[in-house]
């Protein structure tokens, strides 16, 4: 669903039923994560991610996608919780996250007032489950 993707700048694909090609020339990523032991190789995590992608040159098919001096206002922000299984040679990550700031929305771009965990439609459109394998760091 488009609400969970990052598109260039403030551009949003009007076709809500497809994933947008998330390519860009410039990328900025920020991440902060707090891990805590649960049991053995299993750790818990809470995290905040921010970032976006932009185009170096103007593209009329993607209005708002060009990198400008307003790039900080175009950052997407998400947060979540997860489990980390640290096997020393690799880490298996299971995360559940939601967007907190959607740069393509007009005002308000922050979504704190929209969070409704009891609403099935909100959960379907905003909760994102990710599985990742990585190296320990």
C-alpha atoms as a PDB file:
ATOM      1  CA  UNK A   1       0.000   0.000   0.000  1.00  0.00           C
ATOM      2  CA  UNK A   2       1.302   3.463  -0.847  1.00  0.00           C
ATOM      3  CA  UNK A   3       1.049   4.796   2.714  1.00  0.00           C
ATOM      4  CA  UNK A   4       3.946   2.583   3.734  1.00  0.00           C
ATOM      5  CA  UNK A   5       6.266   3.518   0.866  1.00  0.00           C
ATOM      6  CA  UNK A   6       8.636   6.405   0.420  1.00  0.00           C
ATOM      7  CA  UNK A   7       8.342   8.253  -2.869  1.00  0.00           C
ATOM      8  CA  UNK A   8      10.500  11.095  -4.154  1.00  0.00           C
ATOM      9  CA  UNK A   9      10.038  14.231  -2.007  1.00  0.00           C
ATOM     10  CA  UNK A  10       6.346  14.979  -1.476  1.00  0.00           C
ATOM     11  CA  UNK A  11       5.185  13.097  -4.591  1.00  0.00           C
ATOM     12  CA  UNK A  12       2.476  10.486  -4.087  1.00  0.00           C
ATOM     13  CA  UNK A  13       1.196   8.082  -6.719  1.00  0.00           C
ATOM     14  CA  UNK A  14      -2.555   8.586  -7.165  1.00  0.00           C
ATOM     15  CA  UNK A  15      -3.096   4.867  -7.850  1.00  0.00           C
ATOM     16  CA  UNK A  16      -3.575   3.497  -4.321  1.00  0.00           C
ATOM     17  CA  UNK A  17      -3.650  -0.132  -5.507  1.00  0.00           C
ATOM     18  CA  UNK A  18      -0.048  -0.408  -6.674  1.00  0.00           C
ATOM     19  CA  UNK A  19       3.385  -0.030  -5.185  1.00  0.00           C
ATOM     20  CA  UNK A  20       5.284   2.944  -6.503  1.00  0.00           C
ATOM     21  CA  UNK A  21       8.778   2.513  -7.925  1.00  0.00           C
ATOM     22  CA  UNK A  22      10.801   3.813  -4.992  1.00  0.00           C
ATOM     23  CA  UNK A  23      13.795   4.983  -6.994  1.00  0.00           C
ATOM     24  CA  UNK A  24      15.578   8.268  -6.525  1.00  0.00           C
ATOM     25  CA  UNK A  25      18.975   9.880  -7.011  1.00  0.00           C
ATOM     26  CA  UNK A  26      19.425  11.132  -3.438  1.00  0.00           C
ATOM     27  CA  UNK A  27      18.676   9.177  -0.269  1.00  0.00           C
ATOM     28  CA  UNK A  28      18.800  10.172   3.388  1.00  0.00           C
ATOM     29  CA  UNK A  29      18.270   7.613   6.160  1.00  0.00           C
ATOM     30  CA  UNK A  30      18.336   8.075   9.923  1.00  0.00           C
ATOM     31  CA  UNK A  31      17.716   5.357  12.506  1.00  0.00           C
ATOM     32  CA  UNK A  32      17.833   5.054  16.257  1.00  0.00           C
ATOM     33  CA  UNK A  33      17.218   1.764  18.050  1.00  0.00           C
ATOM     34  CA  UNK A  34      17.222   0.691  21.673  1.00  0.00           C
ATOM     35  CA  UNK A  35      17.777  -3.038  22.243  1.00  0.00           C
ATOM     36  CA  UNK A  36      17.256  -4.868  25.509  1.00  0.00           C
ATOM     37  CA  UNK A  37      17.716  -8.532  26.466  1.00  0.00           C
ATOM     38  CA  UNK A  38      14.647 -10.744  26.850  1.00  0.00           C
ATOM     39  CA  UNK A  39      16.003 -14.277  27.021  1.00  0.00           C
ATOM     40  CA  UNK A  40      19.095 -15.947  25.572  1.00  0.00           C
ATOM     41  CA  UNK A  41      19.504 -14.916  21.937  1.00  0.00           C
ATOM     42  CA  UNK A  42      16.178 -13.017  21.913  1.00  0.00           C
ATOM     43  CA  UNK A  43      16.254  -9.255  22.398  1.00  0.00           C
ATOM     44  CA  UNK A  44      13.521  -6.640  22.206  1.00  0.00           C
ATOM     45  CA  UNK A  45      13.841  -3.387  20.307  1.00  0.00           C
ATOM     46  CA  UNK A  46      12.090  -0.042  20.004  1.00  0.00           C
ATOM     47  CA  UNK A  47      13.105   2.162  17.099  1.00  0.00           C
ATOM     48  CA  UNK A  48      12.500   5.355  15.143  1.00  0.00           C
ATOM     49  CA  UNK A  49      13.359   5.698  11.468  1.00  0.00           C
ATOM     50  CA  UNK A  50      13.388   8.839   9.320  1.00  0.00           C
ATOM     51  CA  UNK A  51      14.319   9.567   5.744  1.00  0.00           C
ATOM     52  CA  UNK A  52      13.238   9.999   2.176  1.00  0.00           C
ATOM     53  CA  UNK A  53      14.455   9.863  -1.401  1.00  0.00           C
ATOM     54  CA  UNK A  54      14.612  12.656  -3.969  1.00  0.00           C
ATOM     55  CA  UNK A  55      15.306  13.245  -7.618  1.00  0.00           C
ATOM     56  CA  UNK A  56      18.322  15.301  -8.681  1.00  0.00           C
ATOM     57  CA  UNK A  57      16.486  16.672 -11.737  1.00  0.00           C
ATOM     58  CA  UNK A  58      12.877  17.802 -12.067  1.00  0.00           C
ATOM     59  CA  UNK A  59      10.514  15.129 -13.427  1.00  0.00           C
ATOM     60  CA  UNK A  60       7.079  16.399 -14.509  1.00  0.00           C
ATOM     61  CA  UNK A  61       5.579  12.945 -13.948  1.00  0.00           C
ATOM     62  CA  UNK A  62       6.626  13.131 -10.260  1.00  0.00           C
ATOM     63  CA  UNK A  63       5.762  16.644  -9.024  1.00  0.00           C
ATOM     64  CA  UNK A  64       7.395  17.461  -5.675  1.00  0.00           C
ATOM     65  CA  UNK A  65      10.122  14.850  -6.187  1.00  0.00           C
ATOM     66  CA  UNK A  66      13.071  17.193  -6.865  1.00  0.00           C
ATOM     67  CA  UNK A  67      15.591  17.773  -4.074  1.00  0.00           C
ATOM     68  CA  UNK A  68      15.280  21.323  -2.709  1.00  0.00           C
ATOM     69  CA  UNK A  69      16.263  23.291   0.363  1.00  0.00           C
ATOM     70  CA  UNK A  70      13.014  22.140   1.988  1.00  0.00           C
ATOM     71  CA  UNK A  71      14.237  18.542   2.213  1.00  0.00           C
ATOM     72  CA  UNK A  72      14.000  18.475   6.039  1.00  0.00           C
ATOM     73  CA  UNK A  73      10.267  19.233   5.779  1.00  0.00           C
ATOM     74  CA  UNK A  74       9.953  16.248   3.420  1.00  0.00           C
ATOM     75  CA  UNK A  75      11.294  13.575   5.785  1.00  0.00           C
ATOM     76  CA  UNK A  76       9.078  10.598   6.509  1.00  0.00           C
ATOM     77  CA  UNK A  77       9.166   9.286  10.090  1.00  0.00           C
ATOM     78  CA  UNK A  78       8.132   5.883  11.395  1.00  0.00           C
ATOM     79  CA  UNK A  79       8.459   4.025  14.680  1.00  0.00           C
ATOM     80  CA  UNK A  80       7.949   0.529  15.936  1.00  0.00           C
ATOM     81  CA  UNK A  81       8.836  -2.411  18.116  1.00  0.00           C
ATOM     82  CA  UNK A  82      10.548  -5.637  17.267  1.00  0.00           C
ATOM     83  CA  UNK A  83      12.336  -8.797  18.244  1.00  0.00           C
ATOM     84  CA  UNK A  84      16.009  -9.462  17.497  1.00  0.00           C
ATOM     85  CA  UNK A  85      17.403 -12.974  17.447  1.00  0.00           C
ATOM     86  CA  UNK A  86      21.172 -12.483  17.737  1.00  0.00           C
ATOM     87  CA  UNK A  87      23.024 -15.642  16.692  1.00  0.00           C
ATOM     88  CA  UNK A  88      26.478 -13.938  16.743  1.00  0.00           C
ATOM     89  CA  UNK A  89      27.001 -14.571  13.001  1.00  0.00           C
ATOM     90  CA  UNK A  90      23.648 -13.031  11.935  1.00  0.00           C
ATOM     91  CA  UNK A  91      20.646 -11.224  13.383  1.00  0.00           C
ATOM     92  CA  UNK A  92      17.075 -12.123  12.471  1.00  0.00           C
ATOM     93  CA  UNK A  93      14.799  -9.092  12.895  1.00  0.00           C
ATOM     94  CA  UNK A  94      11.008  -9.148  13.217  1.00  0.00           C
ATOM     95  CA  UNK A  95       9.490  -5.651  13.311  1.00  0.00           C
ATOM     96  CA  UNK A  96       6.065  -4.068  13.550  1.00  0.00           C
ATOM     97  CA  UNK A  97       6.040  -0.375  12.669  1.00  0.00           C
ATOM     98  CA  UNK A  98       3.768   2.494  11.659  1.00  0.00           C
ATOM     99  CA  UNK A  99       4.329   5.806   9.875  1.00  0.00           C
ATOM    100  CA  UNK A 100       4.297   8.839  12.167  1.00  0.00           C
ATOM    101  CA  UNK A 101       4.925  11.503   9.525  1.00  0.00           C
ATOM    102  CA  UNK A 102       3.813  11.273   5.887  1.00  0.00           C
ATOM    103  CA  UNK A 103       5.564  13.947   3.787  1.00  0.00           C
ATOM    104  CA  UNK A 104       3.130  13.667   0.864  1.00  0.00           C
ATOM    105  CA  UNK A 105       0.148  14.691   3.019  1.00  0.00           C
ATOM    106  CA  UNK A 106      -0.818  18.325   3.267  1.00  0.00           C
ATOM    107  CA  UNK A 107      -1.399  19.496   6.823  1.00  0.00           C
ATOM    108  CA  UNK A 108      -1.097  17.797   9.193  1.00  0.00           C
ATOM    109  CA  UNK A 109       1.746  15.591   8.036  1.00  0.00           C
ATOM    110  CA  UNK A 110       2.199  14.144  11.528  1.00  0.00           C
ATOM    111  CA  UNK A 111      -0.235  11.279  12.118  1.00  0.00           C
ATOM    112  CA  UNK A 112      -0.337  11.032  15.937  1.00  0.00           C
ATOM    113  CA  UNK A 113      -4.028  12.000  16.071  1.00  0.00           C
ATOM    114  CA  UNK A 114      -4.951   9.317  13.500  1.00  0.00           C
ATOM    115  CA  UNK A 115      -3.515   6.350  15.423  1.00  0.00           C
ATOM    116  CA  UNK A 116      -6.334   3.955  16.299  1.00  0.00           C
ATOM    117  CA  UNK A 117      -5.133   0.445  17.131  1.00  0.00           C
ATOM    118  CA  UNK A 118      -8.733  -0.731  17.682  1.00  0.00           C
ATOM    119  CA  UNK A 119      -9.726   0.175  14.101  1.00  0.00           C
ATOM    120  CA  UNK A 120      -9.197  -2.752  11.728  1.00  0.00           C
ATOM    121  CA  UNK A 121      -8.943  -0.536   8.636  1.00  0.00           C
ATOM    122  CA  UNK A 122      -6.356   1.711  10.301  1.00  0.00           C
ATOM    123  CA  UNK A 123      -4.272  -1.330  11.263  1.00  0.00           C
ATOM    124  CA  UNK A 124      -4.474  -2.761   7.725  1.00  0.00           C
ATOM    125  CA  UNK A 125      -3.386   0.551   6.155  1.00  0.00           C
ATOM    126  CA  UNK A 126      -0.720   1.601   8.676  1.00  0.00           C
ATOM    127  CA  UNK A 127       0.863  -1.337  10.495  1.00  0.00           C
ATOM    128  CA  UNK A 128       3.814  -2.785   8.603  1.00  0.00           C
ATOM    129  CA  UNK A 129       5.408  -6.131   9.479  1.00  0.00           C
ATOM    130  CA  UNK A 130       9.017  -6.596   8.310  1.00  0.00           C
ATOM    131  CA  UNK A 131      11.362  -9.571   8.442  1.00  0.00           C
ATOM    132  CA  UNK A 132      15.049  -8.888   7.868  1.00  0.00           C
ATOM    133  CA  UNK A 133      18.346 -10.745   8.133  1.00  0.00           C
ATOM    134  CA  UNK A 134      21.504  -8.818   8.845  1.00  0.00           C
ATOM    135  CA  UNK A 135      24.903  -8.846  10.411  1.00  0.00           C
ATOM    136  CA  UNK A 136      25.227  -8.030  14.129  1.00  0.00           C
ATOM    137  CA  UNK A 137      26.463  -4.529  14.918  1.00  0.00           C
END
